[in-house]
Amino acid sequence: MPTDSILDDSPADDEQSDELTMLHPIPGHQPSATGGPWRIAVASDHRGQHVKGRVIERVRELGHTAEDYGPGDEKSVDYPDYAARVAEAVGGGKFDRGILICGSGLGMCIVANKFPGVRAVPCHDDLSAEVSRLHNDANVLCLSADLLGERLIDRMLELWLSTGFEGGRHARRLEKIAALERRVAGK
């Protein structure tokens, strides 16, 4: 590996090492376990507005706190504005997690991942919701209002909010992501 690499030369083979010594804390990252209750910021764009109310209701039924970050109606809005509000709140530590809802779940995910400390994922099934927590310690869930039904969203929310981060080799990988964030930010 080049000496100017920001990535360390830890063994790539997961069988060789499952341990990680954190050289630098991951900005805004507190590895989470199952449980909670979590403080969750929720926002949508106009295409996700009709799903957002049900998501907030379900989050509260599962025992967590949910705050609506807008919009307040179905008038056309620009999704970057609402994704940025939630991402800033999660990345800055005001909220533990965030949920974003737009037509595809993709545009808001792109915006959210511009913020340090945010690990936003678009999920479209149970497996992606669970693995995003187990392996990636995702802290922002992005949902498609156009593609997902109510029962699937309910199951995904339950999985995503109850699944903890495995750590181990996955923590090493998150440290590398944090190192990339610091490098790109010039820190």
N, C-alpha and C. Protein backbone atom coordinates (compact mmCIF):
# COMPACT_ATOMS: atom_id res chain seq x y z
N MET A 1 0.86 -1.18 0.00
CA MET A 1 0.00 0.00 0.00
C MET A 1 0.90 1.23 0.00
N PRO A 2 0.58 2.24 -0.79
CA PRO A 2 1.40 3.44 -0.83
C PRO A 2 1.49 4.09 0.55
N THR A 3 2.64 4.68 0.83
CA THR A 3 2.83 5.29 2.15
C THR A 3 1.98 6.53 2.35
N ASP A 4 1.51 7.14 1.27
CA ASP A 4 0.67 8.33 1.44
C ASP A 4 -0.82 7.98 1.49
N SER A 5 -1.13 6.71 1.57
CA SER A 5 -2.52 6.28 1.65
C SER A 5 -3.12 6.72 2.97
N ILE A 6 -4.38 7.13 2.93
CA ILE A 6 -5.04 7.48 4.19
C ILE A 6 -5.56 6.23 4.88
N LEU A 7 -5.58 5.13 4.16
CA LEU A 7 -6.05 3.89 4.73
C LEU A 7 -4.87 3.17 5.36
N ASP A 8 -5.11 2.51 6.47
CA ASP A 8 -4.01 1.81 7.12
C ASP A 8 -3.72 0.50 6.41
N ASP A 9 -2.67 -0.18 6.85
CA ASP A 9 -2.30 -1.44 6.22
C ASP A 9 -2.74 -2.62 7.08
N SER A 10 -3.92 -2.51 7.69
CA SER A 10 -4.48 -3.61 8.46
C SER A 10 -4.70 -4.78 7.53
N PRO A 11 -4.67 -6.01 8.08
CA PRO A 11 -4.92 -7.17 7.23
C PRO A 11 -6.27 -7.05 6.54
N ALA A 12 -6.28 -7.30 5.25
CA ALA A 12 -7.53 -7.24 4.50
C ALA A 12 -8.37 -8.47 4.74
N ASP A 13 -7.72 -9.57 5.05
CA ASP A 13 -8.43 -10.83 5.27
C ASP A 13 -9.13 -10.78 6.61
N ASP A 14 -10.45 -10.88 6.59
CA ASP A 14 -11.22 -10.79 7.82
C ASP A 14 -10.90 -11.90 8.80
N GLU A 15 -10.37 -13.02 8.33
CA GLU A 15 -10.02 -14.12 9.22
C GLU A 15 -8.77 -13.80 10.04
N GLN A 16 -7.91 -12.92 9.52
CA GLN A 16 -6.67 -12.59 10.21
C GLN A 16 -6.89 -11.68 11.40
N SER A 17 -7.82 -10.76 11.28
CA SER A 17 -8.00 -9.79 12.36
C SER A 17 -9.45 -9.34 12.42
N ASP A 18 -10.03 -9.46 13.60
CA ASP A 18 -11.38 -8.96 13.82
C ASP A 18 -11.34 -7.82 14.83
N GLU A 19 -10.15 -7.38 15.19
CA GLU A 19 -9.98 -6.34 16.19
C GLU A 19 -9.66 -5.02 15.51
N LEU A 20 -9.98 -3.94 16.17
CA LEU A 20 -9.69 -2.62 15.66
C LEU A 20 -9.25 -1.73 16.80
N THR A 21 -8.15 -1.09 16.62
CA THR A 21 -7.74 -0.05 17.54
C THR A 21 -8.06 1.26 16.86
N MET A 22 -8.95 2.03 17.46
CA MET A 22 -9.36 3.28 16.85
C MET A 22 -8.25 4.31 17.06
N LEU A 23 -7.69 4.79 15.96
CA LEU A 23 -6.67 5.81 16.05
C LEU A 23 -7.29 7.19 16.23
N HIS A 24 -8.44 7.37 15.63
CA HIS A 24 -9.16 8.63 15.72
C HIS A 24 -10.62 8.31 15.92
N PRO A 25 -11.32 9.03 16.77
CA PRO A 25 -12.75 8.78 16.89
C PRO A 25 -13.45 9.12 15.58
N ILE A 26 -14.49 8.40 15.26
CA ILE A 26 -15.27 8.70 14.07
C ILE A 26 -16.13 9.91 14.39
N PRO A 27 -15.96 11.02 13.67
CA PRO A 27 -16.73 12.23 13.98
C PRO A 27 -18.23 11.96 13.96
N GLY A 28 -18.89 12.31 15.04
CA GLY A 28 -20.33 12.13 15.11
C GLY A 28 -20.79 10.70 15.24
N HIS A 29 -19.86 9.77 15.41
CA HIS A 29 -20.23 8.35 15.45
C HIS A 29 -20.16 7.80 16.86
N GLN A 30 -21.27 7.30 17.32
CA GLN A 30 -21.33 6.55 18.55
C GLN A 30 -21.89 5.19 18.17
N PRO A 31 -21.06 4.14 18.17
CA PRO A 31 -21.60 2.83 17.80
C PRO A 31 -22.83 2.53 18.65
N SER A 32 -23.88 2.11 17.99
CA SER A 32 -25.13 1.90 18.70
C SER A 32 -25.43 0.43 18.87
N ALA A 33 -26.06 0.13 19.93
CA ALA A 33 -26.52 -1.23 20.20
C ALA A 33 -28.01 -1.28 19.96
N THR A 34 -28.58 -2.44 20.17
CA THR A 34 -30.03 -2.53 20.06
C THR A 34 -30.63 -1.74 21.21
N GLY A 35 -31.85 -1.42 21.09
CA GLY A 35 -32.51 -0.73 22.19
C GLY A 35 -32.94 0.65 21.81
N GLY A 36 -32.44 1.59 22.55
CA GLY A 36 -32.91 2.95 22.39
C GLY A 36 -33.45 3.39 23.74
N PRO A 37 -34.44 4.19 23.82
CA PRO A 37 -35.13 4.76 22.67
C PRO A 37 -34.26 5.78 21.94
N TRP A 38 -34.45 5.86 20.64
CA TRP A 38 -33.67 6.75 19.80
C TRP A 38 -34.43 8.05 19.57
N ARG A 39 -33.67 9.11 19.36
CA ARG A 39 -34.22 10.40 18.92
C ARG A 39 -34.06 10.42 17.40
N ILE A 40 -35.18 10.51 16.70
CA ILE A 40 -35.15 10.35 15.25
C ILE A 40 -35.77 11.57 14.56
N ALA A 41 -35.01 12.15 13.64
CA ALA A 41 -35.50 13.26 12.81
C ALA A 41 -36.05 12.66 11.51
N VAL A 42 -37.23 13.10 11.11
CA VAL A 42 -37.89 12.55 9.92
C VAL A 42 -38.28 13.69 8.98
N ALA A 43 -37.97 13.52 7.70
CA ALA A 43 -38.38 14.52 6.70
C ALA A 43 -38.69 13.81 5.39
N SER A 44 -39.37 14.53 4.53
CA SER A 44 -39.70 14.01 3.21
C SER A 44 -39.64 15.17 2.22
N ASP A 45 -39.88 14.82 0.97
CA ASP A 45 -40.20 15.86 0.01
C ASP A 45 -41.70 15.74 -0.26
N HIS A 46 -42.20 16.44 -1.25
CA HIS A 46 -43.65 16.39 -1.53
C HIS A 46 -44.11 14.99 -1.93
N ARG A 47 -43.26 14.21 -2.59
CA ARG A 47 -43.66 12.86 -3.01
C ARG A 47 -43.69 11.89 -1.84
N GLY A 48 -42.98 12.19 -0.77
CA GLY A 48 -42.98 11.31 0.39
C GLY A 48 -43.87 11.77 1.52
N GLN A 49 -44.49 12.93 1.35
CA GLN A 49 -45.31 13.51 2.42
C GLN A 49 -46.41 12.56 2.89
N HIS A 50 -47.07 11.86 1.98
CA HIS A 50 -48.18 10.98 2.37
C HIS A 50 -47.70 9.76 3.15
N VAL A 51 -46.43 9.42 3.08
CA VAL A 51 -45.87 8.28 3.82
C VAL A 51 -45.29 8.73 5.16
N LYS A 52 -44.83 9.97 5.22
CA LYS A 52 -44.11 10.47 6.40
C LYS A 52 -44.93 10.36 7.68
N GLY A 53 -46.20 10.72 7.64
CA GLY A 53 -47.03 10.65 8.85
C GLY A 53 -47.09 9.24 9.41
N ARG A 54 -47.25 8.26 8.54
CA ARG A 54 -47.29 6.86 8.98
C ARG A 54 -45.94 6.43 9.54
N VAL A 55 -44.84 6.87 8.95
CA VAL A 55 -43.51 6.54 9.45
C VAL A 55 -43.32 7.10 10.85
N ILE A 56 -43.69 8.35 11.06
CA ILE A 56 -43.56 8.96 12.39
C ILE A 56 -44.41 8.20 13.40
N GLU A 57 -45.62 7.87 13.03
CA GLU A 57 -46.50 7.11 13.91
C GLU A 57 -45.88 5.76 14.28
N ARG A 58 -45.34 5.06 13.30
CA ARG A 58 -44.74 3.74 13.54
C ARG A 58 -43.49 3.85 14.42
N VAL A 59 -42.67 4.84 14.18
CA VAL A 59 -41.47 5.06 15.00
C VAL A 59 -41.87 5.26 16.46
N ARG A 60 -42.90 6.02 16.70
CA ARG A 60 -43.38 6.26 18.06
C ARG A 60 -43.99 5.00 18.67
N GLU A 61 -44.72 4.22 17.87
CA GLU A 61 -45.26 2.94 18.36
C GLU A 61 -44.14 2.01 18.81
N LEU A 62 -42.99 2.10 18.17
CA LEU A 62 -41.84 1.26 18.51
C LEU A 62 -41.06 1.80 19.71
N GLY A 63 -41.54 2.90 20.30
CA GLY A 63 -40.96 3.41 21.54
C GLY A 63 -39.89 4.48 21.39
N HIS A 64 -39.78 5.07 20.21
CA HIS A 64 -38.76 6.08 19.97
C HIS A 64 -39.41 7.46 19.85
N THR A 65 -38.58 8.49 19.93
CA THR A 65 -39.03 9.86 19.74
C THR A 65 -38.83 10.23 18.27
N ALA A 66 -39.82 10.84 17.67
CA ALA A 66 -39.71 11.27 16.27
C ALA A 66 -40.08 12.73 16.16
N GLU A 67 -39.26 13.49 15.45
CA GLU A 67 -39.56 14.90 15.20
C GLU A 67 -39.70 15.12 13.71
N ASP A 68 -40.77 15.79 13.32
CA ASP A 68 -41.07 16.07 11.92
C ASP A 68 -40.26 17.28 11.46
N TYR A 69 -39.38 17.06 10.50
CA TYR A 69 -38.54 18.13 9.94
C TYR A 69 -39.11 18.67 8.63
N GLY A 70 -40.37 18.34 8.33
CA GLY A 70 -41.05 18.91 7.18
C GLY A 70 -41.01 18.03 5.95
N PRO A 71 -41.70 18.52 4.94
CA PRO A 71 -42.53 19.70 4.87
C PRO A 71 -43.88 19.47 5.53
N GLY A 72 -44.66 20.54 5.63
CA GLY A 72 -45.95 20.44 6.30
C GLY A 72 -47.12 20.15 5.39
N ASP A 73 -46.88 20.12 4.08
CA ASP A 73 -47.96 19.83 3.14
C ASP A 73 -47.36 19.19 1.89
N GLU A 74 -48.20 18.97 0.87
CA GLU A 74 -47.75 18.27 -0.34
C GLU A 74 -47.39 19.21 -1.49
N LYS A 75 -47.19 20.50 -1.20
CA LYS A 75 -46.73 21.42 -2.24
C LYS A 75 -45.33 21.01 -2.67
N SER A 76 -45.03 21.21 -3.93
CA SER A 76 -43.72 20.83 -4.48
C SER A 76 -42.59 21.54 -3.73
N VAL A 77 -41.61 20.76 -3.31
CA VAL A 77 -40.43 21.29 -2.61
C VAL A 77 -39.18 20.66 -3.22
N ASP A 78 -38.04 21.20 -2.87
CA ASP A 78 -36.76 20.65 -3.32
C ASP A 78 -36.21 19.73 -2.23
N TYR A 79 -36.06 18.45 -2.57
CA TYR A 79 -35.63 17.47 -1.57
C TYR A 79 -34.30 17.79 -0.90
N PRO A 80 -33.32 18.46 -1.58
CA PRO A 80 -32.07 18.75 -0.87
C PRO A 80 -32.27 19.58 0.41
N ASP A 81 -33.26 20.47 0.40
CA ASP A 81 -33.49 21.32 1.57
C ASP A 81 -33.87 20.50 2.80
N TYR A 82 -34.72 19.51 2.61
CA TYR A 82 -35.20 18.71 3.74
C TYR A 82 -34.21 17.62 4.13
N ALA A 83 -33.54 17.05 3.16
CA ALA A 83 -32.51 16.06 3.47
C ALA A 83 -31.37 16.70 4.26
N ALA A 84 -31.01 17.92 3.90
CA ALA A 84 -29.93 18.63 4.59
C ALA A 84 -30.29 18.92 6.04
N ARG A 85 -31.54 19.26 6.31
CA ARG A 85 -31.96 19.54 7.69
C ARG A 85 -31.76 18.31 8.58
N VAL A 86 -32.21 17.17 8.09
CA VAL A 86 -32.07 15.93 8.89
C VAL A 86 -30.61 15.52 8.99
N ALA A 87 -29.88 15.57 7.89
CA ALA A 87 -28.48 15.16 7.92
C ALA A 87 -27.65 16.02 8.86
N GLU A 88 -27.90 17.31 8.86
CA GLU A 88 -27.19 18.21 9.77
C GLU A 88 -27.52 17.88 11.22
N ALA A 89 -28.77 17.58 11.50
CA ALA A 89 -29.19 17.24 12.87
C ALA A 89 -28.58 15.92 13.34
N VAL A 90 -28.51 14.94 12.46
CA VAL A 90 -27.93 13.64 12.82
C VAL A 90 -26.41 13.74 12.89
N GLY A 91 -25.79 14.31 11.87
CA GLY A 91 -24.33 14.45 11.85
C GLY A 91 -23.81 15.30 12.99
N GLY A 92 -24.60 16.27 13.41
CA GLY A 92 -24.22 17.15 14.51
C GLY A 92 -24.54 16.61 15.89
N GLY A 93 -25.19 15.46 15.95
CA GLY A 93 -25.47 14.82 17.23
C GLY A 93 -26.76 15.23 17.92
N LYS A 94 -27.56 16.09 17.30
CA LYS A 94 -28.83 16.49 17.91
C LYS A 94 -29.81 15.32 17.93
N PHE A 95 -29.73 14.47 16.91
CA PHE A 95 -30.57 13.27 16.82
C PHE A 95 -29.68 12.05 16.63
N ASP A 96 -30.17 10.90 17.12
CA ASP A 96 -29.42 9.65 16.98
C ASP A 96 -29.49 9.12 15.56
N ARG A 97 -30.65 9.25 14.96
CA ARG A 97 -30.88 8.71 13.63
C ARG A 97 -31.83 9.61 12.86
N GLY A 98 -31.89 9.35 11.56
CA GLY A 98 -32.81 10.10 10.71
C GLY A 98 -33.49 9.18 9.72
N ILE A 99 -34.65 9.61 9.26
CA ILE A 99 -35.38 8.88 8.23
C ILE A 99 -35.81 9.91 7.18
N LEU A 100 -35.48 9.63 5.92
CA LEU A 100 -35.82 10.51 4.81
C LEU A 100 -36.67 9.75 3.81
N ILE A 101 -37.69 10.41 3.28
CA ILE A 101 -38.62 9.76 2.35
C ILE A 101 -38.80 10.66 1.13
N CYS A 102 -38.49 10.12 -0.03
CA CYS A 102 -38.77 10.83 -1.29
C CYS A 102 -39.29 9.81 -2.29
N GLY A 103 -39.47 10.19 -3.53
CA GLY A 103 -40.03 9.28 -4.51
C GLY A 103 -39.26 7.99 -4.62
N SER A 104 -37.95 8.08 -4.79
CA SER A 104 -37.12 6.88 -4.96
C SER A 104 -36.31 6.52 -3.72
N GLY A 105 -36.10 7.47 -2.81
CA GLY A 105 -35.21 7.26 -1.68
C GLY A 105 -33.76 7.56 -2.03
N LEU A 106 -33.49 7.86 -3.28
CA LEU A 106 -32.11 8.02 -3.73
C LEU A 106 -31.60 9.45 -3.66
N GLY A 107 -32.39 10.41 -4.11
CA GLY A 107 -31.93 11.80 -4.10
C GLY A 107 -31.60 12.29 -2.70
N MET A 108 -32.48 12.00 -1.76
CA MET A 108 -32.23 12.43 -0.38
C MET A 108 -31.01 11.72 0.20
N CYS A 109 -30.79 10.49 -0.20
CA CYS A 109 -29.62 9.75 0.27
C CYS A 109 -28.33 10.41 -0.21
N ILE A 110 -28.32 10.83 -1.46
CA ILE A 110 -27.14 11.51 -2.00
C ILE A 110 -26.84 12.76 -1.19
N VAL A 111 -27.85 13.55 -0.91
CA VAL A 111 -27.66 14.79 -0.14
C VAL A 111 -27.16 14.48 1.26
N ALA A 112 -27.82 13.55 1.95
CA ALA A 112 -27.47 13.25 3.34
C ALA A 112 -26.02 12.81 3.48
N ASN A 113 -25.52 12.06 2.51
CA ASN A 113 -24.15 11.57 2.60
C ASN A 113 -23.09 12.64 2.35
N LYS A 114 -23.50 13.85 2.06
CA LYS A 114 -22.55 14.97 1.94
C LYS A 114 -22.14 15.50 3.31
N PHE A 115 -22.84 15.09 4.37
CA PHE A 115 -22.61 15.63 5.70
C PHE A 115 -21.71 14.70 6.51
N PRO A 116 -20.67 15.24 7.13
CA PRO A 116 -19.77 14.41 7.94
C PRO A 116 -20.52 13.68 9.05
N GLY A 117 -20.16 12.44 9.24
CA GLY A 117 -20.76 11.64 10.30
C GLY A 117 -22.06 10.97 9.91
N VAL A 118 -22.56 11.25 8.72
CA VAL A 118 -23.82 10.65 8.27
C VAL A 118 -23.50 9.44 7.40
N ARG A 119 -24.18 8.35 7.69
CA ARG A 119 -24.09 7.14 6.88
C ARG A 119 -25.52 6.79 6.45
N ALA A 120 -25.94 7.43 5.36
CA ALA A 120 -27.31 7.27 4.86
C ALA A 120 -27.36 6.12 3.86
N VAL A 121 -28.45 5.36 3.92
CA VAL A 121 -28.62 4.21 3.03
C VAL A 121 -30.03 4.18 2.47
N PRO A 122 -30.15 3.90 1.16
CA PRO A 122 -31.47 3.65 0.61
C PRO A 122 -31.79 2.17 0.80
N CYS A 123 -32.89 1.86 1.42
CA CYS A 123 -33.26 0.46 1.65
C CYS A 123 -34.59 0.17 0.97
N HIS A 124 -34.66 -1.00 0.34
CA HIS A 124 -35.86 -1.39 -0.37
C HIS A 124 -36.37 -2.76 0.04
N ASP A 125 -35.74 -3.36 1.05
CA ASP A 125 -36.17 -4.68 1.51
C ASP A 125 -35.65 -4.92 2.93
N ASP A 126 -36.11 -6.00 3.54
CA ASP A 126 -35.72 -6.33 4.92
C ASP A 126 -34.22 -6.52 5.06
N LEU A 127 -33.61 -7.24 4.11
CA LEU A 127 -32.18 -7.53 4.21
C LEU A 127 -31.34 -6.27 4.18
N SER A 128 -31.63 -5.35 3.26
CA SER A 128 -30.83 -4.13 3.19
C SER A 128 -31.01 -3.29 4.46
N ALA A 129 -32.20 -3.28 5.04
CA ALA A 129 -32.43 -2.54 6.28
C ALA A 129 -31.61 -3.13 7.42
N GLU A 130 -31.61 -4.44 7.54
CA GLU A 130 -30.88 -5.10 8.63
C GLU A 130 -29.37 -5.00 8.45
N VAL A 131 -28.87 -5.30 7.27
CA VAL A 131 -27.43 -5.29 7.03
C VAL A 131 -26.86 -3.87 7.12
N SER A 132 -27.66 -2.87 6.75
CA SER A 132 -27.18 -1.49 6.84
C SER A 132 -26.85 -1.11 8.28
N ARG A 133 -27.54 -1.72 9.22
CA ARG A 133 -27.26 -1.47 10.64
C ARG A 133 -26.13 -2.39 11.13
N LEU A 134 -26.22 -3.68 10.84
CA LEU A 134 -25.24 -4.65 11.32
C LEU A 134 -23.83 -4.31 10.86
N HIS A 135 -23.66 -4.04 9.58
CA HIS A 135 -22.33 -3.89 9.01
C HIS A 135 -21.90 -2.45 8.79
N ASN A 136 -22.84 -1.53 8.59
CA ASN A 136 -22.50 -0.16 8.25
C ASN A 136 -22.86 0.86 9.31
N ASP A 137 -23.53 0.43 10.37
CA ASP A 137 -23.99 1.33 11.43
C ASP A 137 -24.67 2.56 10.82
N ALA A 138 -25.50 2.31 9.80
CA ALA A 138 -26.21 3.39 9.12
C ALA A 138 -27.03 4.18 10.13
N ASN A 139 -26.98 5.50 10.01
CA ASN A 139 -27.74 6.34 10.93
C ASN A 139 -28.83 7.17 10.25
N VAL A 140 -28.95 7.04 8.94
CA VAL A 140 -30.05 7.67 8.21
C VAL A 140 -30.61 6.65 7.22
N LEU A 141 -31.89 6.38 7.35
CA LEU A 141 -32.61 5.45 6.48
C LEU A 141 -33.37 6.25 5.43
N CYS A 142 -33.16 5.92 4.16
CA CYS A 142 -33.84 6.61 3.07
C CYS A 142 -34.82 5.65 2.41
N LEU A 143 -36.07 6.08 2.34
CA LEU A 143 -37.15 5.22 1.85
C LEU A 143 -37.79 5.80 0.59
N SER A 144 -38.28 4.89 -0.25
CA SER A 144 -38.99 5.27 -1.47
C SER A 144 -40.49 5.26 -1.22
N ALA A 145 -41.11 6.41 -1.38
CA ALA A 145 -42.56 6.50 -1.25
C ALA A 145 -43.27 5.86 -2.44
N ASP A 146 -42.60 5.81 -3.59
CA ASP A 146 -43.21 5.28 -4.80
C ASP A 146 -43.13 3.76 -4.91
N LEU A 147 -42.13 3.15 -4.30
CA LEU A 147 -41.88 1.73 -4.51
C LEU A 147 -42.25 0.83 -3.35
N LEU A 148 -42.39 1.37 -2.15
CA LEU A 148 -42.56 0.54 -0.95
C LEU A 148 -43.98 0.64 -0.40
N GLY A 149 -44.53 -0.50 -0.03
CA GLY A 149 -45.84 -0.54 0.60
C GLY A 149 -45.75 -0.36 2.10
N GLU A 150 -46.89 -0.09 2.71
CA GLU A 150 -46.95 0.19 4.15
C GLU A 150 -46.41 -0.96 5.00
N ARG A 151 -46.81 -2.19 4.71
CA ARG A 151 -46.34 -3.33 5.52
C ARG A 151 -44.83 -3.51 5.42
N LEU A 152 -44.27 -3.35 4.23
CA LEU A 152 -42.83 -3.47 4.07
C LEU A 152 -42.11 -2.36 4.82
N ILE A 153 -42.61 -1.15 4.72
CA ILE A 153 -42.00 -0.04 5.46
C ILE A 153 -42.05 -0.32 6.96
N ASP A 154 -43.17 -0.80 7.47
CA ASP A 154 -43.29 -1.12 8.89
C ASP A 154 -42.24 -2.15 9.31
N ARG A 155 -42.08 -3.21 8.53
CA ARG A 155 -41.09 -4.25 8.85
C ARG A 155 -39.67 -3.68 8.81
N MET A 156 -39.39 -2.90 7.77
CA MET A 156 -38.06 -2.32 7.64
C MET A 156 -37.74 -1.39 8.81
N LEU A 157 -38.71 -0.58 9.21
CA LEU A 157 -38.49 0.31 10.35
C LEU A 157 -38.19 -0.48 11.61
N GLU A 158 -38.96 -1.53 11.84
CA GLU A 158 -38.74 -2.35 13.03
C GLU A 158 -37.35 -2.98 13.01
N LEU A 159 -36.94 -3.52 11.88
CA LEU A 159 -35.61 -4.11 11.76
C LEU A 159 -34.52 -3.06 11.94
N TRP A 160 -34.65 -1.96 11.23
CA TRP A 160 -33.61 -0.94 11.24
C TRP A 160 -33.44 -0.31 12.62
N LEU A 161 -34.54 -0.14 13.33
CA LEU A 161 -34.46 0.49 14.66
C LEU A 161 -34.07 -0.48 15.76
N SER A 162 -34.17 -1.77 15.53
CA SER A 162 -33.85 -2.74 16.58
C SER A 162 -32.54 -3.47 16.36
N THR A 163 -31.91 -3.28 15.22
CA THR A 163 -30.67 -3.99 14.91
C THR A 163 -29.47 -3.16 15.34
N GLY A 164 -28.56 -3.78 16.07
CA GLY A 164 -27.35 -3.12 16.52
C GLY A 164 -26.20 -3.29 15.54
N PHE A 165 -25.15 -2.57 15.78
CA PHE A 165 -23.93 -2.62 14.98
C PHE A 165 -23.05 -3.74 15.50
N GLU A 166 -22.56 -4.59 14.61
CA GLU A 166 -21.72 -5.73 15.00
C GLU A 166 -20.32 -5.32 15.46
N GLY A 167 -19.79 -4.25 14.93
CA GLY A 167 -18.43 -3.85 15.27
C GLY A 167 -17.41 -4.76 14.60
N GLY A 168 -16.31 -5.06 15.32
CA GLY A 168 -15.28 -5.93 14.76
C GLY A 168 -14.72 -5.40 13.46
N ARG A 169 -14.65 -6.25 12.45
CA ARG A 169 -14.08 -5.86 11.16
C ARG A 169 -14.86 -4.71 10.54
N HIS A 170 -16.14 -4.61 10.86
CA HIS A 170 -16.97 -3.54 10.30
C HIS A 170 -16.57 -2.18 10.91
N ALA A 171 -16.16 -2.17 12.16
CA ALA A 171 -15.71 -0.92 12.79
C ALA A 171 -14.44 -0.42 12.11
N ARG A 172 -13.57 -1.35 11.72
CA ARG A 172 -12.34 -0.96 11.01
C ARG A 172 -12.71 -0.25 9.71
N ARG A 173 -13.71 -0.73 9.05
CA ARG A 173 -14.13 -0.14 7.78
C ARG A 173 -14.77 1.24 7.98
N LEU A 174 -15.51 1.39 9.05
CA LEU A 174 -16.08 2.71 9.35
C LEU A 174 -14.99 3.72 9.67
N GLU A 175 -13.93 3.27 10.33
CA GLU A 175 -12.81 4.17 10.60
C GLU A 175 -12.19 4.63 9.29
N LYS A 176 -12.11 3.75 8.31
CA LYS A 176 -11.56 4.14 7.01
C LYS A 176 -12.47 5.16 6.32
N ILE A 177 -13.77 4.99 6.45
CA ILE A 177 -14.70 5.97 5.89
C ILE A 177 -14.51 7.32 6.58
N ALA A 178 -14.35 7.30 7.90
CA ALA A 178 -14.13 8.54 8.65
C ALA A 178 -12.82 9.20 8.23
N ALA A 179 -11.79 8.41 7.97
CA ALA A 179 -10.52 8.96 7.50
C ALA A 179 -10.70 9.63 6.14
N LEU A 180 -11.47 9.03 5.28
CA LEU A 180 -11.76 9.64 3.98
C LEU A 180 -12.51 10.96 4.16
N GLU A 181 -13.48 10.99 5.07
CA GLU A 181 -14.21 12.23 5.34
C GLU A 181 -13.26 13.33 5.80
N ARG A 182 -12.35 12.98 6.70
CA ARG A 182 -11.39 13.98 7.20
C ARG A 182 -10.49 14.47 6.08
N ARG A 183 -10.03 13.55 5.23
CA ARG A 183 -9.15 13.93 4.13
C ARG A 183 -9.87 14.86 3.16
N VAL A 184 -11.07 14.52 2.79
CA VAL A 184 -11.83 15.34 1.85
C VAL A 184 -12.13 16.71 2.46
N ALA A 185 -12.38 16.75 3.76
CA ALA A 185 -12.67 18.01 4.45
C ALA A 185 -11.40 18.81 4.73
N GLY A 186 -10.24 18.22 4.46
CA GLY A 186 -8.98 18.91 4.69
C GLY A 186 -8.56 18.95 6.14
N LYS A 187 -9.03 17.97 6.93
CA LYS A 187 -8.69 17.95 8.36
C LYS A 187 -7.72 16.85 8.67
